[in-house]
Amino acid sequence: MIFGIIVLWIMGKGDFTQITQVNKVYWLGGILGTIIIITVMVAIGKLSPTHAIAVILISQLLVAAIIDAFGWLGTDKIPFTWNKWMGLVLMIAGVIAFKWKK
């Protein structure tokens, strides 16, 4: 928190009133960051680190694609085309093949 205040002071050139100009959705970043860190720790504890990181990467790409496809958070809409679906399917198949035990 102290680091955040220092960065705000430096980037805001000493003007803390800029904090009220931020889109309210962006305030969820800190909460989501905490949730992500906790779920990563739990996932690595229950799965192997390789599997946990692979699932996390696929999840992040899927959420980013959904945000782009719907134009959420002020982004331009980018269609989720068949080649992106195929890439996602290949990544999921790779995780399944990697996890597969004989």
PDB file of N, CA and C in Angstrom:
ATOM      1  N   MET A   1       0.810  -1.180   0.000  1.00  0.00           N
ATOM      2  CA  MET A   1       0.000   0.000   0.000  1.00  0.00           C
ATOM      3  C   MET A   1       0.862   1.255   0.000  1.00  0.00           C
ATOM      4  N   ILE A   2       1.914   1.229   0.777  1.00  0.00           N
ATOM      5  CA  ILE A   2       2.816   2.378   0.833  1.00  0.00           C
ATOM      6  C   ILE A   2       3.469   2.588  -0.528  1.00  0.00           C
ATOM      7  N   PHE A   3       3.881   1.503  -1.152  1.00  0.00           N
ATOM      8  CA  PHE A   3       4.473   1.595  -2.488  1.00  0.00           C
ATOM      9  C   PHE A   3       3.482   2.213  -3.472  1.00  0.00           C
ATOM     10  N   GLY A   4       2.224   1.817  -3.386  1.00  0.00           N
ATOM     11  CA  GLY A   4       1.192   2.369  -4.256  1.00  0.00           C
ATOM     12  C   GLY A   4       1.013   3.861  -4.059  1.00  0.00           C
ATOM     13  N   ILE A   5       1.060   4.301  -2.836  1.00  0.00           N
ATOM     14  CA  ILE A   5       0.933   5.734  -2.540  1.00  0.00           C
ATOM     15  C   ILE A   5       2.129   6.503  -3.090  1.00  0.00           C
ATOM     16  N   ILE A   6       3.322   5.927  -2.966  1.00  0.00           N
ATOM     17  CA  ILE A   6       4.521   6.579  -3.503  1.00  0.00           C
ATOM     18  C   ILE A   6       4.433   6.692  -5.024  1.00  0.00           C
ATOM     19  N   VAL A   7       4.014   5.610  -5.688  1.00  0.00           N
ATOM     20  CA  VAL A   7       3.869   5.640  -7.148  1.00  0.00           C
ATOM     21  C   VAL A   7       2.812   6.657  -7.553  1.00  0.00           C
ATOM     22  N   LEU A   8       1.710   6.704  -6.839  1.00  0.00           N
ATOM     23  CA  LEU A   8       0.659   7.683  -7.127  1.00  0.00           C
ATOM     24  C   LEU A   8       1.187   9.104  -6.976  1.00  0.00           C
ATOM     25  N   TRP A   9       1.985   9.333  -5.951  1.00  0.00           N
ATOM     26  CA  TRP A   9       2.548  10.662  -5.721  1.00  0.00           C
ATOM     27  C   TRP A   9       3.502  11.054  -6.840  1.00  0.00           C
ATOM     28  N   ILE A  10       4.349  10.095  -7.278  1.00  0.00           N
ATOM     29  CA  ILE A  10       5.321  10.385  -8.343  1.00  0.00           C
ATOM     30  C   ILE A  10       4.617  10.551  -9.691  1.00  0.00           C
ATOM     31  N   MET A  11       3.756   9.597 -10.044  1.00  0.00           N
ATOM     32  CA  MET A  11       3.081   9.635 -11.347  1.00  0.00           C
ATOM     33  C   MET A  11       2.064  10.772 -11.425  1.00  0.00           C
ATOM     34  N   GLY A  12       1.467  11.108 -10.310  1.00  0.00           N
ATOM     35  CA  GLY A  12       0.483  12.189 -10.279  1.00  0.00           C
ATOM     36  C   GLY A  12       1.103  13.539 -10.031  1.00  0.00           C
ATOM     37  N   LYS A  13       2.437  13.586  -9.997  1.00  0.00           N
ATOM     38  CA  LYS A  13       3.180  14.828  -9.783  1.00  0.00           C
ATOM     39  C   LYS A  13       2.744  15.526  -8.493  1.00  0.00           C
ATOM     40  N   GLY A  14       2.486  14.715  -7.463  1.00  0.00           N
ATOM     41  CA  GLY A  14       2.137  15.258  -6.156  1.00  0.00           C
ATOM     42  C   GLY A  14       0.672  15.607  -5.979  1.00  0.00           C
ATOM     43  N   ASP A  15      -0.136  15.391  -7.025  1.00  0.00           N
ATOM     44  CA  ASP A  15      -1.554  15.758  -6.970  1.00  0.00           C
ATOM     45  C   ASP A  15      -2.389  14.506  -6.706  1.00  0.00           C
ATOM     46  N   PHE A  16      -2.863  14.364  -5.463  1.00  0.00           N
ATOM     47  CA  PHE A  16      -3.646  13.186  -5.096  1.00  0.00           C
ATOM     48  C   PHE A  16      -5.118  13.301  -5.506  1.00  0.00           C
ATOM     49  N   THR A  17      -5.536  14.425  -6.040  1.00  0.00           N
ATOM     50  CA  THR A  17      -6.937  14.580  -6.455  1.00  0.00           C
ATOM     51  C   THR A  17      -7.240  13.780  -7.713  1.00  0.00           C
ATOM     52  N   GLN A  18      -6.210  13.337  -8.429  1.00  0.00           N
ATOM     53  CA  GLN A  18      -6.423  12.536  -9.636  1.00  0.00           C
ATOM     54  C   GLN A  18      -7.040  11.182  -9.316  1.00  0.00           C
ATOM     55  N   ILE A  19      -6.978  10.787  -8.079  1.00  0.00           N
ATOM     56  CA  ILE A  19      -7.501   9.487  -7.672  1.00  0.00           C
ATOM     57  C   ILE A  19      -9.009   9.405  -7.885  1.00  0.00           C
ATOM     58  N   THR A  20      -9.695  10.529  -7.855  1.00  0.00           N
ATOM     59  CA  THR A  20     -11.144  10.530  -8.053  1.00  0.00           C
ATOM     60  C   THR A  20     -11.530  10.459  -9.521  1.00  0.00           C
ATOM     61  N   GLN A  21     -10.578  10.632 -10.431  1.00  0.00           N
ATOM     62  CA  GLN A  21     -10.854  10.624 -11.863  1.00  0.00           C
ATOM     63  C   GLN A  21     -10.745   9.231 -12.471  1.00  0.00           C
ATOM     64  N   VAL A  22     -10.391   8.252 -11.679  1.00  0.00           N
ATOM     65  CA  VAL A  22     -10.204   6.889 -12.166  1.00  0.00           C
ATOM     66  C   VAL A  22     -11.558   6.198 -12.311  1.00  0.00           C
ATOM     67  N   ASN A  23     -11.709   5.418 -13.384  1.00  0.00           N
ATOM     68  CA  ASN A  23     -12.920   4.626 -13.590  1.00  0.00           C
ATOM     69  C   ASN A  23     -13.092   3.682 -12.395  1.00  0.00           C
ATOM     70  N   LYS A  24     -14.284   3.617 -11.857  1.00  0.00           N
ATOM     71  CA  LYS A  24     -14.549   2.828 -10.639  1.00  0.00           C
ATOM     72  C   LYS A  24     -14.278   1.338 -10.831  1.00  0.00           C
ATOM     73  N   VAL A  25     -14.381   0.843 -12.048  1.00  0.00           N
ATOM     74  CA  VAL A  25     -14.120  -0.576 -12.310  1.00  0.00           C
ATOM     75  C   VAL A  25     -12.666  -0.921 -11.998  1.00  0.00           C
ATOM     76  N   TYR A  26     -11.767   0.024 -12.218  1.00  0.00           N
ATOM     77  CA  TYR A  26     -10.346  -0.239 -12.005  1.00  0.00           C
ATOM     78  C   TYR A  26      -9.996  -0.439 -10.531  1.00  0.00           C
ATOM     79  N   TRP A  27     -10.870  -0.007  -9.635  1.00  0.00           N
ATOM     80  CA  TRP A  27     -10.629  -0.227  -8.211  1.00  0.00           C
ATOM     81  C   TRP A  27     -10.711  -1.704  -7.854  1.00  0.00           C
ATOM     82  N   LEU A  28     -11.358  -2.499  -8.709  1.00  0.00           N
ATOM     83  CA  LEU A  28     -11.450  -3.940  -8.453  1.00  0.00           C
ATOM     84  C   LEU A  28     -10.115  -4.648  -8.668  1.00  0.00           C
ATOM     85  N   GLY A  29      -9.162  -3.983  -9.301  1.00  0.00           N
ATOM     86  CA  GLY A  29      -7.863  -4.591  -9.586  1.00  0.00           C
ATOM     87  C   GLY A  29      -7.162  -5.116  -8.349  1.00  0.00           C
ATOM     88  N   GLY A  30      -7.186  -4.365  -7.281  1.00  0.00           N
ATOM     89  CA  GLY A  30      -6.537  -4.811  -6.047  1.00  0.00           C
ATOM     90  C   GLY A  30      -7.212  -6.024  -5.446  1.00  0.00           C
ATOM     91  N   ILE A  31      -8.532  -6.012  -5.453  1.00  0.00           N
ATOM     92  CA  ILE A  31      -9.288  -7.148  -4.918  1.00  0.00           C
ATOM     93  C   ILE A  31      -9.058  -8.384  -5.779  1.00  0.00           C
ATOM     94  N   LEU A  32      -9.142  -8.209  -7.097  1.00  0.00           N
ATOM     95  CA  LEU A  32      -8.924  -9.341  -7.995  1.00  0.00           C
ATOM     96  C   LEU A  32      -7.491  -9.856  -7.904  1.00  0.00           C
ATOM     97  N   GLY A  33      -6.538  -8.954  -7.721  1.00  0.00           N
ATOM     98  CA  GLY A  33      -5.148  -9.379  -7.565  1.00  0.00           C
ATOM     99  C   GLY A  33      -4.963 -10.267  -6.347  1.00  0.00           C
ATOM    100  N   THR A  34      -5.605  -9.912  -5.258  1.00  0.00           N
ATOM    101  CA  THR A  34      -5.532 -10.722  -4.037  1.00  0.00           C
ATOM    102  C   THR A  34      -6.170 -12.090  -4.257  1.00  0.00           C
ATOM    103  N   ILE A  35      -7.331 -12.103  -4.901  1.00  0.00           N
ATOM    104  CA  ILE A  35      -8.013 -13.380  -5.182  1.00  0.00           C
ATOM    105  C   ILE A  35      -7.159 -14.249  -6.097  1.00  0.00           C
ATOM    106  N   ILE A  36      -6.546 -13.652  -7.102  1.00  0.00           N
ATOM    107  CA  ILE A  36      -5.711 -14.412  -8.039  1.00  0.00           C
ATOM    108  C   ILE A  36      -4.510 -15.015  -7.316  1.00  0.00           C
ATOM    109  N   ILE A  37      -3.859 -14.246  -6.465  1.00  0.00           N
ATOM    110  CA  ILE A  37      -2.690 -14.766  -5.743  1.00  0.00           C
ATOM    111  C   ILE A  37      -3.083 -15.941  -4.863  1.00  0.00           C
ATOM    112  N   ILE A  38      -4.203 -15.835  -4.164  1.00  0.00           N
ATOM    113  CA  ILE A  38      -4.649 -16.927  -3.301  1.00  0.00           C
ATOM    114  C   ILE A  38      -4.987 -18.167  -4.125  1.00  0.00           C
ATOM    115  N   THR A  39      -5.714 -17.995  -5.237  1.00  0.00           N
ATOM    116  CA  THR A  39      -6.077 -19.161  -6.051  1.00  0.00           C
ATOM    117  C   THR A  39      -4.862 -19.794  -6.713  1.00  0.00           C
ATOM    118  N   VAL A  40      -3.867 -19.002  -7.075  1.00  0.00           N
ATOM    119  CA  VAL A  40      -2.639 -19.571  -7.643  1.00  0.00           C
ATOM    120  C   VAL A  40      -1.924 -20.413  -6.592  1.00  0.00           C
ATOM    121  N   MET A  41      -1.836 -19.912  -5.369  1.00  0.00           N
ATOM    122  CA  MET A  41      -1.175 -20.676  -4.307  1.00  0.00           C
ATOM    123  C   MET A  41      -1.907 -21.990  -4.042  1.00  0.00           C
ATOM    124  N   VAL A  42      -3.233 -21.944  -4.003  1.00  0.00           N
ATOM    125  CA  VAL A  42      -4.013 -23.157  -3.756  1.00  0.00           C
ATOM    126  C   VAL A  42      -3.857 -24.132  -4.920  1.00  0.00           C
ATOM    127  N   ALA A  43      -3.915 -23.604  -6.154  1.00  0.00           N
ATOM    128  CA  ALA A  43      -3.803 -24.469  -7.338  1.00  0.00           C
ATOM    129  C   ALA A  43      -2.449 -25.154  -7.394  1.00  0.00           C
ATOM    130  N   ILE A  44      -1.382 -24.430  -7.100  1.00  0.00           N
ATOM    131  CA  ILE A  44      -0.050 -25.037  -7.136  1.00  0.00           C
ATOM    132  C   ILE A  44       0.080 -26.081  -6.030  1.00  0.00           C
ATOM    133  N   GLY A  45      -0.574 -25.839  -4.910  1.00  0.00           N
ATOM    134  CA  GLY A  45      -0.544 -26.823  -3.825  1.00  0.00           C
ATOM    135  C   GLY A  45      -1.301 -28.098  -4.164  1.00  0.00           C
ATOM    136  N   LYS A  46      -2.404 -27.980  -4.899  1.00  0.00           N
ATOM    137  CA  LYS A  46      -3.228 -29.153  -5.215  1.00  0.00           C
ATOM    138  C   LYS A  46      -2.791 -29.838  -6.511  1.00  0.00           C
ATOM    139  N   LEU A  47      -2.316 -29.071  -7.470  1.00  0.00           N
ATOM    140  CA  LEU A  47      -1.806 -29.620  -8.727  1.00  0.00           C
ATOM    141  C   LEU A  47      -0.287 -29.477  -8.705  1.00  0.00           C
ATOM    142  N   SER A  48       0.349 -29.924  -9.746  1.00  0.00           N
ATOM    143  CA  SER A  48       1.774 -29.619  -9.849  1.00  0.00           C
ATOM    144  C   SER A  48       1.913 -28.191 -10.370  1.00  0.00           C
ATOM    145  N   PRO A  49       3.051 -27.553 -10.138  1.00  0.00           N
ATOM    146  CA  PRO A  49       3.219 -26.181 -10.626  1.00  0.00           C
ATOM    147  C   PRO A  49       3.016 -26.055 -12.140  1.00  0.00           C
ATOM    148  N   THR A  50       3.473 -27.043 -12.896  1.00  0.00           N
ATOM    149  CA  THR A  50       3.330 -26.990 -14.353  1.00  0.00           C
ATOM    150  C   THR A  50       1.867 -26.992 -14.766  1.00  0.00           C
ATOM    151  N   HIS A  51       1.081 -27.867 -14.199  1.00  0.00           N
ATOM    152  CA  HIS A  51      -0.340 -27.945 -14.549  1.00  0.00           C
ATOM    153  C   HIS A  51      -1.081 -26.693 -14.096  1.00  0.00           C
ATOM    154  N   ALA A  52      -0.771 -26.224 -12.910  1.00  0.00           N
ATOM    155  CA  ALA A  52      -1.448 -25.035 -12.390  1.00  0.00           C
ATOM    156  C   ALA A  52      -1.170 -23.826 -13.274  1.00  0.00           C
ATOM    157  N   ILE A  53       0.077 -23.617 -13.655  1.00  0.00           N
ATOM    158  CA  ILE A  53       0.425 -22.469 -14.494  1.00  0.00           C
ATOM    159  C   ILE A  53      -0.206 -22.601 -15.869  1.00  0.00           C
ATOM    160  N   ALA A  54      -0.256 -23.816 -16.425  1.00  0.00           N
ATOM    161  CA  ALA A  54      -0.886 -24.018 -17.733  1.00  0.00           C
ATOM    162  C   ALA A  54      -2.376 -23.665 -17.687  1.00  0.00           C
ATOM    163  N   VAL A  55      -3.064 -24.112 -16.661  1.00  0.00           N
ATOM    164  CA  VAL A  55      -4.492 -23.800 -16.516  1.00  0.00           C
ATOM    165  C   VAL A  55      -4.696 -22.301 -16.308  1.00  0.00           C
ATOM    166  N   ILE A  56      -3.838 -21.680 -15.525  1.00  0.00           N
ATOM    167  CA  ILE A  56      -3.936 -20.241 -15.285  1.00  0.00           C
ATOM    168  C   ILE A  56      -3.741 -19.462 -16.577  1.00  0.00           C
ATOM    169  N   LEU A  57      -2.750 -19.844 -17.389  1.00  0.00           N
ATOM    170  CA  LEU A  57      -2.508 -19.154 -18.659  1.00  0.00           C
ATOM    171  C   LEU A  57      -3.689 -19.288 -19.609  1.00  0.00           C
ATOM    172  N   ILE A  58      -4.249 -20.485 -19.700  1.00  0.00           N
ATOM    173  CA  ILE A  58      -5.414 -20.697 -20.566  1.00  0.00           C
ATOM    174  C   ILE A  58      -6.588 -19.856 -20.073  1.00  0.00           C
ATOM    175  N   SER A  59      -6.792 -19.829 -18.771  1.00  0.00           N
ATOM    176  CA  SER A  59      -7.884 -19.033 -18.206  1.00  0.00           C
ATOM    177  C   SER A  59      -7.701 -17.548 -18.497  1.00  0.00           C
ATOM    178  N   GLN A  60      -6.485 -17.055 -18.354  1.00  0.00           N
ATOM    179  CA  GLN A  60      -6.217 -15.644 -18.627  1.00  0.00           C
ATOM    180  C   GLN A  60      -6.469 -15.308 -20.093  1.00  0.00           C
ATOM    181  N   LEU A  61      -6.031 -16.183 -20.995  1.00  0.00           N
ATOM    182  CA  LEU A  61      -6.268 -15.948 -22.423  1.00  0.00           C
ATOM    183  C   LEU A  61      -7.752 -15.971 -22.751  1.00  0.00           C
ATOM    184  N   LEU A  62      -8.487 -16.885 -22.146  1.00  0.00           N
ATOM    185  CA  LEU A  62      -9.925 -16.971 -22.397  1.00  0.00           C
ATOM    186  C   LEU A  62     -10.641 -15.714 -21.893  1.00  0.00           C
ATOM    187  N   VAL A  63     -10.306 -15.267 -20.695  1.00  0.00           N
ATOM    188  CA  VAL A  63     -10.944 -14.062 -20.146  1.00  0.00           C
ATOM    189  C   VAL A  63     -10.569 -12.839 -20.982  1.00  0.00           C
ATOM    190  N   ALA A  64      -9.314 -12.740 -21.406  1.00  0.00           N
ATOM    191  CA  ALA A  64      -8.897 -11.624 -22.257  1.00  0.00           C
ATOM    192  C   ALA A  64      -9.651 -11.643 -23.587  1.00  0.00           C
ATOM    193  N   ALA A  65      -9.858 -12.830 -24.139  1.00  0.00           N
ATOM    194  CA  ALA A  65     -10.602 -12.944 -25.396  1.00  0.00           C
ATOM    195  C   ALA A  65     -12.062 -12.539 -25.213  1.00  0.00           C
ATOM    196  N   ILE A  66     -12.648 -12.903 -24.083  1.00  0.00           N
ATOM    197  CA  ILE A  66     -14.036 -12.518 -23.801  1.00  0.00           C
ATOM    198  C   ILE A  66     -14.139 -11.001 -23.639  1.00  0.00           C
ATOM    199  N   ILE A  67     -13.195 -10.414 -22.922  1.00  0.00           N
ATOM    200  CA  ILE A  67     -13.196  -8.952 -22.754  1.00  0.00           C
ATOM    201  C   ILE A  67     -13.067  -8.266 -24.101  1.00  0.00           C
ATOM    202  N   ASP A  68     -12.177  -8.770 -24.961  1.00  0.00           N
ATOM    203  CA  ASP A  68     -12.018  -8.194 -26.303  1.00  0.00           C
ATOM    204  C   ASP A  68     -13.252  -8.395 -27.159  1.00  0.00           C
ATOM    205  N   ALA A  69     -13.846  -9.577 -27.094  1.00  0.00           N
ATOM    206  CA  ALA A  69     -14.996  -9.888 -27.950  1.00  0.00           C
ATOM    207  C   ALA A  69     -16.205  -9.009 -27.623  1.00  0.00           C
ATOM    208  N   PHE A  70     -16.396  -8.697 -26.350  1.00  0.00           N
ATOM    209  CA  PHE A  70     -17.549  -7.893 -25.947  1.00  0.00           C
ATOM    210  C   PHE A  70     -17.222  -6.408 -25.788  1.00  0.00           C
ATOM    211  N   GLY A  71     -15.941  -6.051 -25.909  1.00  0.00           N
ATOM    212  CA  GLY A  71     -15.556  -4.657 -25.787  1.00  0.00           C
ATOM    213  C   GLY A  71     -15.693  -4.112 -24.378  1.00  0.00           C
ATOM    214  N   TRP A  72     -15.504  -4.962 -23.381  1.00  0.00           N
ATOM    215  CA  TRP A  72     -15.620  -4.530 -21.996  1.00  0.00           C
ATOM    216  C   TRP A  72     -14.428  -3.665 -21.602  1.00  0.00           C
ATOM    217  N   LEU A  73     -14.567  -2.913 -20.555  1.00  0.00           N
ATOM    218  CA  LEU A  73     -13.521  -2.064 -19.974  1.00  0.00           C
ATOM    219  C   LEU A  73     -13.001  -1.037 -20.970  1.00  0.00           C
ATOM    220  N   GLY A  74     -13.856  -0.635 -21.894  1.00  0.00           N
ATOM    221  CA  GLY A  74     -13.496   0.422 -22.837  1.00  0.00           C
ATOM    222  C   GLY A  74     -12.614  -0.015 -23.991  1.00  0.00           C
ATOM    223  N   THR A  75     -12.483  -1.323 -24.216  1.00  0.00           N
ATOM    224  CA  THR A  75     -11.652  -1.800 -25.320  1.00  0.00           C
ATOM    225  C   THR A  75     -12.463  -1.865 -26.605  1.00  0.00           C
ATOM    226  N   ASP A  76     -11.774  -1.879 -27.733  1.00  0.00           N
ATOM    227  CA  ASP A  76     -12.444  -2.078 -29.015  1.00  0.00           C
ATOM    228  C   ASP A  76     -12.867  -3.535 -29.126  1.00  0.00           C
ATOM    229  N   LYS A  77     -14.004  -3.768 -29.779  1.00  0.00           N
ATOM    230  CA  LYS A  77     -14.467  -5.147 -29.968  1.00  0.00           C
ATOM    231  C   LYS A  77     -13.590  -5.841 -31.003  1.00  0.00           C
ATOM    232  N   ILE A  78     -13.072  -6.999 -30.617  1.00  0.00           N
ATOM    233  CA  ILE A  78     -12.267  -7.833 -31.513  1.00  0.00           C
ATOM    234  C   ILE A  78     -12.943  -9.191 -31.568  1.00  0.00           C
ATOM    235  N   PRO A  79     -13.416  -9.603 -32.741  1.00  0.00           N
ATOM    236  CA  PRO A  79     -14.166 -10.864 -32.816  1.00  0.00           C
ATOM    237  C   PRO A  79     -13.311 -12.076 -32.436  1.00  0.00           C
ATOM    238  N   PHE A  80     -13.966 -13.027 -31.803  1.00  0.00           N
ATOM    239  CA  PHE A  80     -13.317 -14.281 -31.414  1.00  0.00           C
ATOM    240  C   PHE A  80     -13.520 -15.267 -32.553  1.00  0.00           C
ATOM    241  N   THR A  81     -12.581 -15.303 -33.481  1.00  0.00           N
ATOM    242  CA  THR A  81     -12.704 -16.071 -34.717  1.00  0.00           C
ATOM    243  C   THR A  81     -12.334 -17.533 -34.512  1.00  0.00           C
ATOM    244  N   TRP A  82     -12.534 -18.313 -35.561  1.00  0.00           N
ATOM    245  CA  TRP A  82     -12.314 -19.759 -35.475  1.00  0.00           C
ATOM    246  C   TRP A  82     -10.865 -20.091 -35.146  1.00  0.00           C
ATOM    247  N   ASN A  83      -9.899 -19.307 -35.651  1.00  0.00           N
ATOM    248  CA  ASN A  83      -8.502 -19.644 -35.364  1.00  0.00           C
ATOM    249  C   ASN A  83      -8.159 -19.410 -33.883  1.00  0.00           C
ATOM    250  N   LYS A  84      -8.836 -18.477 -33.251  1.00  0.00           N
ATOM    251  CA  LYS A  84      -8.633 -18.274 -31.818  1.00  0.00           C
ATOM    252  C   LYS A  84      -9.264 -19.426 -31.029  1.00  0.00           C
ATOM    253  N   TRP A  85     -10.445 -19.877 -31.470  1.00  0.00           N
ATOM    254  CA  TRP A  85     -11.061 -21.054 -30.844  1.00  0.00           C
ATOM    255  C   TRP A  85     -10.135 -22.262 -30.979  1.00  0.00           C
ATOM    256  N   MET A  86      -9.567 -22.430 -32.185  1.00  0.00           N
ATOM    257  CA  MET A  86      -8.685 -23.580 -32.428  1.00  0.00           C
ATOM    258  C   MET A  86      -7.441 -23.505 -31.535  1.00  0.00           C
ATOM    259  N   GLY A  87      -6.882 -22.315 -31.387  1.00  0.00           N
ATOM    260  CA  GLY A  87      -5.729 -22.152 -30.504  1.00  0.00           C
ATOM    261  C   GLY A  87      -6.053 -22.499 -29.067  1.00  0.00           C
ATOM    262  N   LEU A  88      -7.223 -22.082 -28.611  1.00  0.00           N
ATOM    263  CA  LEU A  88      -7.652 -22.384 -27.247  1.00  0.00           C
ATOM    264  C   LEU A  88      -7.859 -23.888 -27.065  1.00  0.00           C
ATOM    265  N   VAL A  89      -8.486 -24.519 -28.053  1.00  0.00           N
ATOM    266  CA  VAL A  89      -8.708 -25.973 -27.991  1.00  0.00           C
ATOM    267  C   VAL A  89      -7.370 -26.718 -27.973  1.00  0.00           C
ATOM    268  N   LEU A  90      -6.419 -26.284 -28.787  1.00  0.00           N
ATOM    269  CA  LEU A  90      -5.106 -26.932 -28.804  1.00  0.00           C
ATOM    270  C   LEU A  90      -4.380 -26.781 -27.469  1.00  0.00           C
ATOM    271  N   MET A  91      -4.508 -25.623 -26.855  1.00  0.00           N
ATOM    272  CA  MET A  91      -3.876 -25.429 -25.550  1.00  0.00           C
ATOM    273  C   MET A  91      -4.506 -26.330 -24.491  1.00  0.00           C
ATOM    274  N   ILE A  92      -5.823 -26.429 -24.510  1.00  0.00           N
ATOM    275  CA  ILE A  92      -6.510 -27.310 -23.555  1.00  0.00           C
ATOM    276  C   ILE A  92      -6.132 -28.763 -23.807  1.00  0.00           C
ATOM    277  N   ALA A  93      -6.070 -29.161 -25.080  1.00  0.00           N
ATOM    278  CA  ALA A  93      -5.658 -30.527 -25.425  1.00  0.00           C
ATOM    279  C   ALA A  93      -4.228 -30.786 -24.947  1.00  0.00           C
ATOM    280  N   GLY A  94      -3.365 -29.788 -25.045  1.00  0.00           N
ATOM    281  CA  GLY A  94      -1.991 -29.942 -24.571  1.00  0.00           C
ATOM    282  C   GLY A  94      -1.921 -30.180 -23.072  1.00  0.00           C
ATOM    283  N   VAL A  95      -2.731 -29.462 -22.324  1.00  0.00           N
ATOM    284  CA  VAL A  95      -2.753 -29.656 -20.867  1.00  0.00           C
ATOM    285  C   VAL A  95      -3.277 -31.040 -20.532  1.00  0.00           C
ATOM    286  N   ILE A  96      -4.330 -31.459 -21.236  1.00  0.00           N
ATOM    287  CA  ILE A  96      -4.890 -32.796 -20.992  1.00  0.00           C
ATOM    288  C   ILE A  96      -3.867 -33.869 -21.333  1.00  0.00           C
ATOM    289  N   ALA A  97      -3.165 -33.720 -22.470  1.00  0.00           N
ATOM    290  CA  ALA A  97      -2.162 -34.700 -22.867  1.00  0.00           C
ATOM    291  C   ALA A  97      -0.999 -34.715 -21.866  1.00  0.00           C
ATOM    292  N   PHE A  98      -0.642 -33.567 -21.370  1.00  0.00           N
ATOM    293  CA  PHE A  98       0.455 -33.476 -20.403  1.00  0.00           C
ATOM    294  C   PHE A  98       0.071 -34.126 -19.079  1.00  0.00           C
ATOM    295  N   LYS A  99      -1.197 -33.998 -18.698  1.00  0.00           N
ATOM    296  CA  LYS A  99      -1.684 -34.540 -17.428  1.00  0.00           C
ATOM    297  C   LYS A  99      -1.993 -36.036 -17.510  1.00  0.00           C
ATOM    298  N   TRP A 100      -2.174 -36.522 -18.723  1.00  0.00           N
ATOM    299  CA  TRP A 100      -2.585 -37.904 -18.952  1.00  0.00           C
ATOM    300  C   TRP A 100      -1.586 -38.876 -18.340  1.00  0.00           C
ATOM    301  N   LYS A 101      -2.105 -39.837 -17.581  1.00  0.00           N
ATOM    302  CA  LYS A 101      -1.256 -40.878 -16.993  1.00  0.00           C
ATOM    303  C   LYS A 101      -1.674 -42.220 -17.554  1.00  0.00           C
ATOM    304  N   LYS A 102      -0.686 -43.063 -17.808  1.00  0.00           N
ATOM    305  CA  LYS A 102      -0.971 -44.401 -18.351  1.00  0.00           C
ATOM    306  C   LYS A 102      -1.332 -45.358 -17.260  1.00  0.00           C
TER     307      LYS A 102
END
